[in-house]
Each structure stands twice: as structure tokens, then as C-alpha cells.
Amino acid sequence: MSQPHSTKIALVTGGSRGIGAAIVRRLAADGAAVAFTYSSSEHKAKAIVAELEAAGGRALAIRADSADAKAVQDAVALTAETFGGLDILVSNAGILILNPLDDYSLEDFDRMFAVNVRAAFVGIQAAARHMKEGGRIITIGSVTADRSGFPTSAVYSMTKGAIASMTRGLARDLGPRGITINNVQPGPTATDMNPNEDDHERLKPLMALGRLGEDREIAGLAAYLASAEAAFVTGASLTIDGGYLA
């Protein structure tokens, strides 16, 4: 079995569940040593480490609240110290707080921005200091950057629009150093952030393919962007949505 990342070291933020966990597993299957952060799902994090190590991989779970900038910086430093460097960063950690405009608290606004946007910037800034030419940075955004699609999602959509814009801008900063940065924008995907089966059924008719995405499919695109084959792709937002925006 080919392992295109057999010499690579990766960090995935928010990697204990959902899309993040799928990306951790895919990068590990491709041969990378993978660290990942988690905020509260300790039992899931430990189970993933045990699973990957049992398969002969190298894995490290790091407890870190992405709203805490120092915790994000420390996670990057610990990854580099433990594995001897850093080649791939997947900035995946995110939260979803939905409320109508009249009921949206500034505390919720600030926390969602801190986790979804500021933490991504902090992690990228810290990771880039460890990366050499050929480094890969992948942000996980959302199609809501282009289409909110439903009420109560304005703030979440705003954070994902910010991620897309930041990714484009940082491509200019990082390009001269031979580091690429790209944004993956999933559409409706069956994960534990979106567990409601009734919601799934309502969404299916909106999808050109008639189904929700699977986390492993999002992980496949992230793995491609982390590979040598994607060396000429940077500053892009790549939609993977089953035709939701079509």
C-alpha cells in the first residue's frame, strides 16, 4: 500500500471526532506521524491514538481549547518537539452556535470567532515557523461561506467566509517560502456536529447527488491537498458538497 506521507509530520486541530478524526485516520494511513488536538472528548482521543498505534502508526493527542491562543501555540510546539518538526497543518477545529439575530449574545459571537477564525490564524502563524519548503496548510471551512442557506447561521457563515479570505491572503505570504495553503469547504456532511436524521432527510433533496457527504470523503480531499501532487494549488477554496451549490 502506497504511503505518500511516510516521512511527514502532521497536526490536525479538532481531531478527535467527525471530519477531524477522519482526516487524522487518513493521514496516518498514508504514513504520517499525526498529532491532533481535542477539547473535551478525551476517551475518543485516547481511542484514536490506541487504534493508530495498534496499526503501527505514530499518534499524539493534545488537550487544547482552541479559544485559548496559548494552548494552540503550545500544541504546535509539542507536535514539533515530539516528532521532530512539522510538515502539515490541518486547521479543522470549529464550533457551531445557531441563534436568531435578536437572541445572539456577544459572548457566543466572540467564542465562535475565537475558535473558528482566531485559532486558525494562531495555529497557522505558529506552524509556519516550523515549516520548510513543501509545507502544507489546509483550513476546513464550509459552503456557508458562499451560501448561508438557512436562518440563524449568519455568524457561523461569517466565520467561514473569514477563513476563505484569510486563506487567499496567506497564500501570498507563504508562497515565496514554498508553503501552500488551501481551504476545504464541505457541504452538508453526516457528522456529530450534524447528527439529526430529520435534518439529513430535509437536506437530501437539495443535493445534486441526493445524499449527504461522508467524513472520509472530506478527508480524501484534505489528503490530496497535503500531497506532493497538489504542489501548484494554493490560495484556493475547494468545495466538496455533493452539488449543494450547483
C-alpha atoms as a PDB file:
ATOM      1  CA  MET A   1       0.000   0.000   0.000  1.00  0.00           C
ATOM      2  CA  SER A   2       1.382   3.393  -1.019  1.00  0.00           C
ATOM      3  CA  GLN A   3       2.129   5.788   1.839  1.00  0.00           C
ATOM      4  CA  PRO A   4       2.670   9.227   0.281  1.00  0.00           C
ATOM      5  CA  HIS A   5       3.159  10.880   3.677  1.00  0.00           C
ATOM      6  CA  SER A   6       5.531   8.305   5.181  1.00  0.00           C
ATOM      7  CA  THR A   7       8.137  10.928   6.102  1.00  0.00           C
ATOM      8  CA  LYS A   8       5.680  13.662   7.099  1.00  0.00           C
ATOM      9  CA  ILE A   9       4.577  15.067  10.436  1.00  0.00           C
ATOM     10  CA  ALA A  10       1.039  16.424  10.710  1.00  0.00           C
ATOM     11  CA  LEU A  11      -1.092  18.288  13.229  1.00  0.00           C
ATOM     12  CA  VAL A  12      -4.874  18.287  12.965  1.00  0.00           C
ATOM     13  CA  THR A  13      -6.801  20.629  15.255  1.00  0.00           C
ATOM     14  CA  GLY A  14     -10.124  19.295  16.471  1.00  0.00           C
ATOM     15  CA  GLY A  15      -9.150  15.767  15.519  1.00  0.00           C
ATOM     16  CA  SER A  16     -10.997  13.555  17.985  1.00  0.00           C
ATOM     17  CA  ARG A  17     -14.307  13.337  16.149  1.00  0.00           C
ATOM     18  CA  GLY A  18     -16.154  13.943  12.893  1.00  0.00           C
ATOM     19  CA  ILE A  19     -14.245  15.273   9.899  1.00  0.00           C
ATOM     20  CA  GLY A  20     -11.163  15.915  12.023  1.00  0.00           C
ATOM     21  CA  ALA A  21     -10.931  12.295  13.151  1.00  0.00           C
ATOM     22  CA  ALA A  22     -11.394  11.100   9.567  1.00  0.00           C
ATOM     23  CA  ILE A  23      -8.506  13.342   8.479  1.00  0.00           C
ATOM     24  CA  VAL A  24      -6.317  12.044  11.324  1.00  0.00           C
ATOM     25  CA  ARG A  25      -7.013   8.452  10.268  1.00  0.00           C
ATOM     26  CA  ARG A  26      -6.409   9.180   6.576  1.00  0.00           C
ATOM     27  CA  LEU A  27      -3.091  10.960   7.124  1.00  0.00           C
ATOM     28  CA  ALA A  28      -1.968   8.164   9.443  1.00  0.00           C
ATOM     29  CA  ALA A  29      -2.976   5.553   6.868  1.00  0.00           C
ATOM     30  CA  ASP A  30      -0.889   7.495   4.355  1.00  0.00           C
ATOM     31  CA  GLY A  31       2.108   7.112   6.666  1.00  0.00           C
ATOM     32  CA  ALA A  32       2.281  10.431   8.511  1.00  0.00           C
ATOM     33  CA  ALA A  33       3.010  10.799  12.201  1.00  0.00           C
ATOM     34  CA  VAL A  34      -0.115  12.609  13.374  1.00  0.00           C
ATOM     35  CA  ALA A  35      -0.788  14.799  16.382  1.00  0.00           C
ATOM     36  CA  PHE A  36      -4.263  16.143  16.972  1.00  0.00           C
ATOM     37  CA  THR A  37      -5.972  18.409  19.446  1.00  0.00           C
ATOM     38  CA  TYR A  38      -9.213  17.854  21.298  1.00  0.00           C
ATOM     39  CA  SER A  39     -11.110  19.934  23.833  1.00  0.00           C
ATOM     40  CA  SER A  40     -13.370  17.549  25.745  1.00  0.00           C
ATOM     41  CA  SER A  41     -13.627  14.145  24.015  1.00  0.00           C
ATOM     42  CA  GLU A  42     -10.732  12.564  25.930  1.00  0.00           C
ATOM     43  CA  HIS A  43     -11.984   8.989  25.647  1.00  0.00           C
ATOM     44  CA  LYS A  44     -12.397   9.357  21.880  1.00  0.00           C
ATOM     45  CA  ALA A  45      -8.948  10.920  21.583  1.00  0.00           C
ATOM     46  CA  LYS A  46      -7.284   8.101  23.519  1.00  0.00           C
ATOM     47  CA  ALA A  47      -9.160   5.509  21.473  1.00  0.00           C
ATOM     48  CA  ILE A  48      -7.894   7.015  18.218  1.00  0.00           C
ATOM     49  CA  VAL A  49      -4.303   7.034  19.479  1.00  0.00           C
ATOM     50  CA  ALA A  50      -4.600   3.394  20.522  1.00  0.00           C
ATOM     51  CA  GLU A  51      -6.141   2.475  17.166  1.00  0.00           C
ATOM     52  CA  LEU A  52      -3.406   4.166  15.155  1.00  0.00           C
ATOM     53  CA  GLU A  53      -0.577   2.821  17.282  1.00  0.00           C
ATOM     54  CA  ALA A  54      -2.016  -0.695  17.028  1.00  0.00           C
ATOM     55  CA  ALA A  55      -1.798  -0.323  13.256  1.00  0.00           C
ATOM     56  CA  GLY A  56       1.875   0.641  13.531  1.00  0.00           C
ATOM     57  CA  GLY A  57       1.419   4.391  13.305  1.00  0.00           C
ATOM     58  CA  ARG A  58       2.621   7.269  15.455  1.00  0.00           C
ATOM     59  CA  ALA A  59      -0.015   9.443  17.083  1.00  0.00           C
ATOM     60  CA  LEU A  60      -0.283  12.070  19.795  1.00  0.00           C
ATOM     61  CA  ALA A  61      -3.450  13.510  21.365  1.00  0.00           C
ATOM     62  CA  ILE A  62      -3.155  17.007  22.844  1.00  0.00           C
ATOM     63  CA  ARG A  63      -5.838  18.562  25.001  1.00  0.00           C
ATOM     64  CA  ALA A  64      -6.282  22.183  23.880  1.00  0.00           C
ATOM     65  CA  ASP A  65      -9.183  24.610  23.871  1.00  0.00           C
ATOM     66  CA  SER A  66      -8.903  26.396  20.543  1.00  0.00           C
ATOM     67  CA  ALA A  67     -10.325  29.553  22.096  1.00  0.00           C
ATOM     68  CA  ASP A  68      -7.078  29.729  24.108  1.00  0.00           C
ATOM     69  CA  ALA A  69      -4.372  31.095  21.799  1.00  0.00           C
ATOM     70  CA  LYS A  70      -1.533  29.850  24.011  1.00  0.00           C
ATOM     71  CA  ALA A  71      -2.993  26.341  24.051  1.00  0.00           C
ATOM     72  CA  VAL A  72      -2.965  26.318  20.242  1.00  0.00           C
ATOM     73  CA  GLN A  73       0.614  27.613  20.132  1.00  0.00           C
ATOM     74  CA  ASP A  74       1.692  25.034  22.702  1.00  0.00           C
ATOM     75  CA  ALA A  75       0.063  22.238  20.680  1.00  0.00           C
ATOM     76  CA  VAL A  76       2.104  23.225  17.627  1.00  0.00           C
ATOM     77  CA  ALA A  77       5.290  23.375  19.704  1.00  0.00           C
ATOM     78  CA  LEU A  78       4.624  19.994  21.352  1.00  0.00           C
ATOM     79  CA  THR A  79       3.980  18.360  17.977  1.00  0.00           C
ATOM     80  CA  ALA A  80       7.255  19.664  16.558  1.00  0.00           C
ATOM     81  CA  GLU A  81       9.160  18.692  19.708  1.00  0.00           C
ATOM     82  CA  THR A  82       7.688  15.191  19.900  1.00  0.00           C
ATOM     83  CA  PHE A  83       8.039  14.210  16.244  1.00  0.00           C
ATOM     84  CA  GLY A  84      10.942  16.424  15.195  1.00  0.00           C
ATOM     85  CA  GLY A  85       9.251  19.003  13.002  1.00  0.00           C
ATOM     86  CA  LEU A  86       6.001  19.848  11.258  1.00  0.00           C
ATOM     87  CA  ASP A  87       5.085  19.422   7.592  1.00  0.00           C
ATOM     88  CA  ILE A  88       1.280  19.511   7.510  1.00  0.00           C
ATOM     89  CA  LEU A  89      -1.244  21.551   9.476  1.00  0.00           C
ATOM     90  CA  VAL A  90      -4.960  20.915   9.123  1.00  0.00           C
ATOM     91  CA  SER A  91      -6.878  23.672  10.885  1.00  0.00           C
ATOM     92  CA  ASN A  92     -10.163  21.894  11.465  1.00  0.00           C
ATOM     93  CA  ALA A  93     -11.345  22.846  14.962  1.00  0.00           C
ATOM     94  CA  GLY A  94     -14.648  24.656  14.891  1.00  0.00           C
ATOM     95  CA  ILE A  95     -17.905  25.159  16.738  1.00  0.00           C
ATOM     96  CA  LEU A  96     -21.448  25.852  15.596  1.00  0.00           C
ATOM     97  CA  ILE A  97     -23.721  28.137  17.617  1.00  0.00           C
ATOM     98  CA  LEU A  98     -27.033  28.916  15.925  1.00  0.00           C
ATOM     99  CA  ASN A  99     -29.384  31.583  17.255  1.00  0.00           C
ATOM    100  CA  PRO A 100     -31.720  34.199  15.803  1.00  0.00           C
ATOM    101  CA  LEU A 101     -30.304  37.700  15.484  1.00  0.00           C
ATOM    102  CA  ASP A 102     -32.315  39.108  18.392  1.00  0.00           C
ATOM    103  CA  ASP A 103     -31.107  36.366  20.734  1.00  0.00           C
ATOM    104  CA  TYR A 104     -27.469  36.130  19.658  1.00  0.00           C
ATOM    105  CA  SER A 105     -25.243  37.004  22.601  1.00  0.00           C
ATOM    106  CA  LEU A 106     -21.925  38.756  22.166  1.00  0.00           C
ATOM    107  CA  GLU A 107     -20.356  36.030  24.308  1.00  0.00           C
ATOM    108  CA  ASP A 108     -21.402  33.412  21.733  1.00  0.00           C
ATOM    109  CA  PHE A 109     -20.281  35.672  18.885  1.00  0.00           C
ATOM    110  CA  ASP A 110     -16.862  36.164  20.457  1.00  0.00           C
ATOM    111  CA  ARG A 111     -16.383  32.463  21.235  1.00  0.00           C
ATOM    112  CA  MET A 112     -17.320  31.344  17.729  1.00  0.00           C
ATOM    113  CA  PHE A 113     -14.938  33.881  16.197  1.00  0.00           C
ATOM    114  CA  ALA A 114     -12.195  32.878  18.644  1.00  0.00           C
ATOM    115  CA  VAL A 115     -12.481  29.167  17.840  1.00  0.00           C
ATOM    116  CA  ASN A 116     -13.355  29.302  14.145  1.00  0.00           C
ATOM    117  CA  VAL A 117     -11.147  32.189  12.991  1.00  0.00           C
ATOM    118  CA  ARG A 118      -8.619  33.448  15.538  1.00  0.00           C
ATOM    119  CA  ALA A 119      -7.459  29.941  16.443  1.00  0.00           C
ATOM    120  CA  ALA A 120      -6.899  29.162  12.776  1.00  0.00           C
ATOM    121  CA  PHE A 121      -4.705  32.246  12.386  1.00  0.00           C
ATOM    122  CA  VAL A 122      -2.792  31.493  15.600  1.00  0.00           C
ATOM    123  CA  GLY A 123      -2.194  27.885  14.571  1.00  0.00           C
ATOM    124  CA  ILE A 124      -1.085  28.811  11.065  1.00  0.00           C
ATOM    125  CA  GLN A 125       1.249  31.510  12.380  1.00  0.00           C
ATOM    126  CA  ALA A 126       2.853  29.071  14.839  1.00  0.00           C
ATOM    127  CA  ALA A 127       3.039  26.164  12.392  1.00  0.00           C
ATOM    128  CA  ALA A 128       4.594  28.203   9.588  1.00  0.00           C
ATOM    129  CA  ARG A 129       7.581  28.937  11.814  1.00  0.00           C
ATOM    130  CA  HIS A 130       8.387  25.223  11.826  1.00  0.00           C
ATOM    131  CA  MET A 131       7.680  24.506   8.158  1.00  0.00           C
ATOM    132  CA  LYS A 132      10.216  24.228   5.378  1.00  0.00           C
ATOM    133  CA  GLU A 133       9.664  24.382   1.645  1.00  0.00           C
ATOM    134  CA  GLY A 134       6.949  21.882   0.735  1.00  0.00           C
ATOM    135  CA  GLY A 135       4.903  22.586   3.851  1.00  0.00           C
ATOM    136  CA  ARG A 136       1.154  22.180   3.552  1.00  0.00           C
ATOM    137  CA  ILE A 137      -1.576  24.079   5.404  1.00  0.00           C
ATOM    138  CA  ILE A 138      -5.239  23.165   4.995  1.00  0.00           C
ATOM    139  CA  THR A 139      -8.128  25.036   6.551  1.00  0.00           C
ATOM    140  CA  ILE A 140     -11.551  23.452   6.899  1.00  0.00           C
ATOM    141  CA  GLY A 141     -14.193  25.999   6.005  1.00  0.00           C
ATOM    142  CA  SER A 142     -17.749  25.476   4.800  1.00  0.00           C
ATOM    143  CA  VAL A 143     -20.024  26.124   1.838  1.00  0.00           C
ATOM    144  CA  THR A 144     -21.819  28.544   4.157  1.00  0.00           C
ATOM    145  CA  ALA A 145     -19.059  30.982   3.185  1.00  0.00           C
ATOM    146  CA  ASP A 146     -20.856  31.154  -0.180  1.00  0.00           C
ATOM    147  CA  ARG A 147     -24.441  30.346   0.808  1.00  0.00           C
ATOM    148  CA  SER A 148     -25.804  30.514   4.336  1.00  0.00           C
ATOM    149  CA  GLY A 149     -28.838  28.509   3.271  1.00  0.00           C
ATOM    150  CA  PHE A 150     -30.915  28.827   6.426  1.00  0.00           C
ATOM    151  CA  PRO A 151     -31.784  31.338   9.170  1.00  0.00           C
ATOM    152  CA  THR A 152     -29.728  31.635  12.393  1.00  0.00           C
ATOM    153  CA  SER A 153     -26.464  30.823  10.591  1.00  0.00           C
ATOM    154  CA  ALA A 154     -25.179  34.361   9.948  1.00  0.00           C
ATOM    155  CA  VAL A 155     -22.327  34.318  12.470  1.00  0.00           C
ATOM    156  CA  TYR A 156     -21.174  30.815  11.533  1.00  0.00           C
ATOM    157  CA  SER A 157     -21.243  31.798   7.848  1.00  0.00           C
ATOM    158  CA  MET A 158     -19.258  34.942   8.668  1.00  0.00           C
ATOM    159  CA  THR A 159     -16.517  32.891  10.332  1.00  0.00           C
ATOM    160  CA  LYS A 160     -16.241  30.567   7.338  1.00  0.00           C
ATOM    161  CA  GLY A 161     -16.148  33.500   4.935  1.00  0.00           C
ATOM    162  CA  ALA A 162     -13.295  34.908   7.011  1.00  0.00           C
ATOM    163  CA  ILE A 163     -11.424  31.602   6.715  1.00  0.00           C
ATOM    164  CA  ALA A 164     -11.739  31.645   2.914  1.00  0.00           C
ATOM    165  CA  SER A 165     -10.479  35.235   2.719  1.00  0.00           C
ATOM    166  CA  MET A 166      -7.626  34.610   5.144  1.00  0.00           C
ATOM    167  CA  THR A 167      -6.538  31.544   3.188  1.00  0.00           C
ATOM    168  CA  ARG A 168      -6.333  33.569  -0.037  1.00  0.00           C
ATOM    169  CA  GLY A 169      -4.299  36.284   1.652  1.00  0.00           C
ATOM    170  CA  LEU A 170      -1.918  33.915   3.407  1.00  0.00           C
ATOM    171  CA  ALA A 171      -1.162  32.163   0.123  1.00  0.00           C
ATOM    172  CA  ARG A 172       0.665  35.353  -0.865  1.00  0.00           C
ATOM    173  CA  ASP A 173       2.625  35.434   2.395  1.00  0.00           C
ATOM    174  CA  LEU A 174       3.579  31.771   2.318  1.00  0.00           C
ATOM    175  CA  GLY A 175       4.086  31.227  -1.414  1.00  0.00           C
ATOM    176  CA  PRO A 176       7.623  32.641  -1.535  1.00  0.00           C
ATOM    177  CA  ARG A 177       8.572  30.135   1.157  1.00  0.00           C
ATOM    178  CA  GLY A 178       7.276  27.175  -0.862  1.00  0.00           C
ATOM    179  CA  ILE A 179       4.381  26.554   1.564  1.00  0.00           C
ATOM    180  CA  THR A 180       0.882  26.085   0.173  1.00  0.00           C
ATOM    181  CA  ILE A 181      -2.360  26.883   1.962  1.00  0.00           C
ATOM    182  CA  ASN A 182      -5.825  25.870   0.794  1.00  0.00           C
ATOM    183  CA  ASN A 183      -9.357  25.844   2.148  1.00  0.00           C
ATOM    184  CA  VAL A 184     -11.689  22.827   2.013  1.00  0.00           C
ATOM    185  CA  GLN A 185     -15.365  23.813   2.018  1.00  0.00           C
ATOM    186  CA  PRO A 186     -17.592  20.838   2.878  1.00  0.00           C
ATOM    187  CA  GLY A 187     -21.292  20.916   2.196  1.00  0.00           C
ATOM    188  CA  PRO A 188     -23.829  19.035   4.331  1.00  0.00           C
ATOM    189  CA  THR A 189     -21.933  16.101   5.825  1.00  0.00           C
ATOM    190  CA  ALA A 190     -23.090  13.414   8.232  1.00  0.00           C
ATOM    191  CA  THR A 191     -21.024  14.088  11.366  1.00  0.00           C
ATOM    192  CA  ASP A 192     -21.640  14.516  15.078  1.00  0.00           C
ATOM    193  CA  MET A 193     -21.888  18.283  14.506  1.00  0.00           C
ATOM    194  CA  ASN A 194     -24.912  17.480  12.344  1.00  0.00           C
ATOM    195  CA  PRO A 195     -26.405  14.311  13.874  1.00  0.00           C
ATOM    196  CA  ASN A 196     -30.133  14.954  13.375  1.00  0.00           C
ATOM    197  CA  GLU A 197     -31.569  12.380  10.942  1.00  0.00           C
ATOM    198  CA  ASP A 198     -34.590  14.602  10.257  1.00  0.00           C
ATOM    199  CA  ASP A 199     -32.228  17.363   9.139  1.00  0.00           C
ATOM    200  CA  HIS A 200     -30.471  14.876   6.886  1.00  0.00           C
ATOM    201  CA  GLU A 201     -33.715  13.972   5.171  1.00  0.00           C
ATOM    202  CA  ARG A 202     -34.580  17.639   4.625  1.00  0.00           C
ATOM    203  CA  LEU A 203     -31.166  18.293   3.109  1.00  0.00           C
ATOM    204  CA  LYS A 204     -31.018  15.346   0.719  1.00  0.00           C
ATOM    205  CA  PRO A 205     -33.356  16.868  -1.908  1.00  0.00           C
ATOM    206  CA  LEU A 206     -31.059  19.926  -2.040  1.00  0.00           C
ATOM    207  CA  MET A 207     -28.063  17.785  -3.012  1.00  0.00           C
ATOM    208  CA  ALA A 208     -27.392  17.015  -6.683  1.00  0.00           C
ATOM    209  CA  LEU A 209     -26.228  13.553  -5.582  1.00  0.00           C
ATOM    210  CA  GLY A 210     -29.221  13.043  -3.294  1.00  0.00           C
ATOM    211  CA  ARG A 211     -27.188  12.271  -0.179  1.00  0.00           C
ATOM    212  CA  LEU A 212     -25.024  13.890   2.471  1.00  0.00           C
ATOM    213  CA  GLY A 213     -21.265  13.665   2.347  1.00  0.00           C
ATOM    214  CA  GLU A 214     -19.200  11.281   4.437  1.00  0.00           C
ATOM    215  CA  ASP A 215     -16.326  12.433   6.614  1.00  0.00           C
ATOM    216  CA  ARG A 216     -13.911  10.090   4.817  1.00  0.00           C
ATOM    217  CA  GLU A 217     -14.668  11.915   1.557  1.00  0.00           C
ATOM    218  CA  ILE A 218     -13.689  15.248   3.077  1.00  0.00           C
ATOM    219  CA  ALA A 219     -10.556  13.579   4.444  1.00  0.00           C
ATOM    220  CA  GLY A 220      -9.662  12.387   0.953  1.00  0.00           C
ATOM    221  CA  LEU A 221      -9.606  15.937  -0.383  1.00  0.00           C
ATOM    222  CA  ALA A 222      -7.532  17.121   2.578  1.00  0.00           C
ATOM    223  CA  ALA A 223      -5.052  14.295   1.975  1.00  0.00           C
ATOM    224  CA  TYR A 224      -4.723  15.298  -1.676  1.00  0.00           C
ATOM    225  CA  LEU A 225      -4.009  18.920  -0.738  1.00  0.00           C
ATOM    226  CA  ALA A 226      -1.343  17.683   1.690  1.00  0.00           C
ATOM    227  CA  SER A 227       0.359  15.652  -1.033  1.00  0.00           C
ATOM    228  CA  ALA A 228       3.157  16.451  -3.455  1.00  0.00           C
ATOM    229  CA  GLU A 229       0.631  16.236  -6.307  1.00  0.00           C
ATOM    230  CA  ALA A 230      -1.026  19.439  -5.035  1.00  0.00           C
ATOM    231  CA  ALA A 231       2.172  21.496  -5.121  1.00  0.00           C
ATOM    232  CA  PHE A 232       0.710  24.018  -7.596  1.00  0.00           C
ATOM    233  CA  VAL A 233      -2.578  24.515  -5.724  1.00  0.00           C
ATOM    234  CA  THR A 234      -2.591  27.374  -3.235  1.00  0.00           C
ATOM    235  CA  GLY A 235      -4.952  30.095  -2.072  1.00  0.00           C
ATOM    236  CA  ALA A 236      -7.913  28.054  -3.287  1.00  0.00           C
ATOM    237  CA  SER A 237     -11.238  27.245  -1.679  1.00  0.00           C
ATOM    238  CA  LEU A 238     -12.285  23.822  -2.898  1.00  0.00           C
ATOM    239  CA  THR A 239     -15.961  22.969  -2.494  1.00  0.00           C
ATOM    240  CA  ILE A 240     -16.892  19.364  -1.736  1.00  0.00           C
ATOM    241  CA  ASP A 241     -20.668  19.417  -1.353  1.00  0.00           C
ATOM    242  CA  GLY A 242     -22.367  16.785  -3.498  1.00  0.00           C
ATOM    243  CA  GLY A 243     -23.761  19.518  -5.685  1.00  0.00           C
ATOM    244  CA  TYR A 244     -25.402  21.520  -2.893  1.00  0.00           C
ATOM    245  CA  LEU A 245     -24.275  24.790  -4.521  1.00  0.00           C
ATOM    246  CA  ALA A 246     -24.827  23.596  -8.099  1.00  0.00           C
END
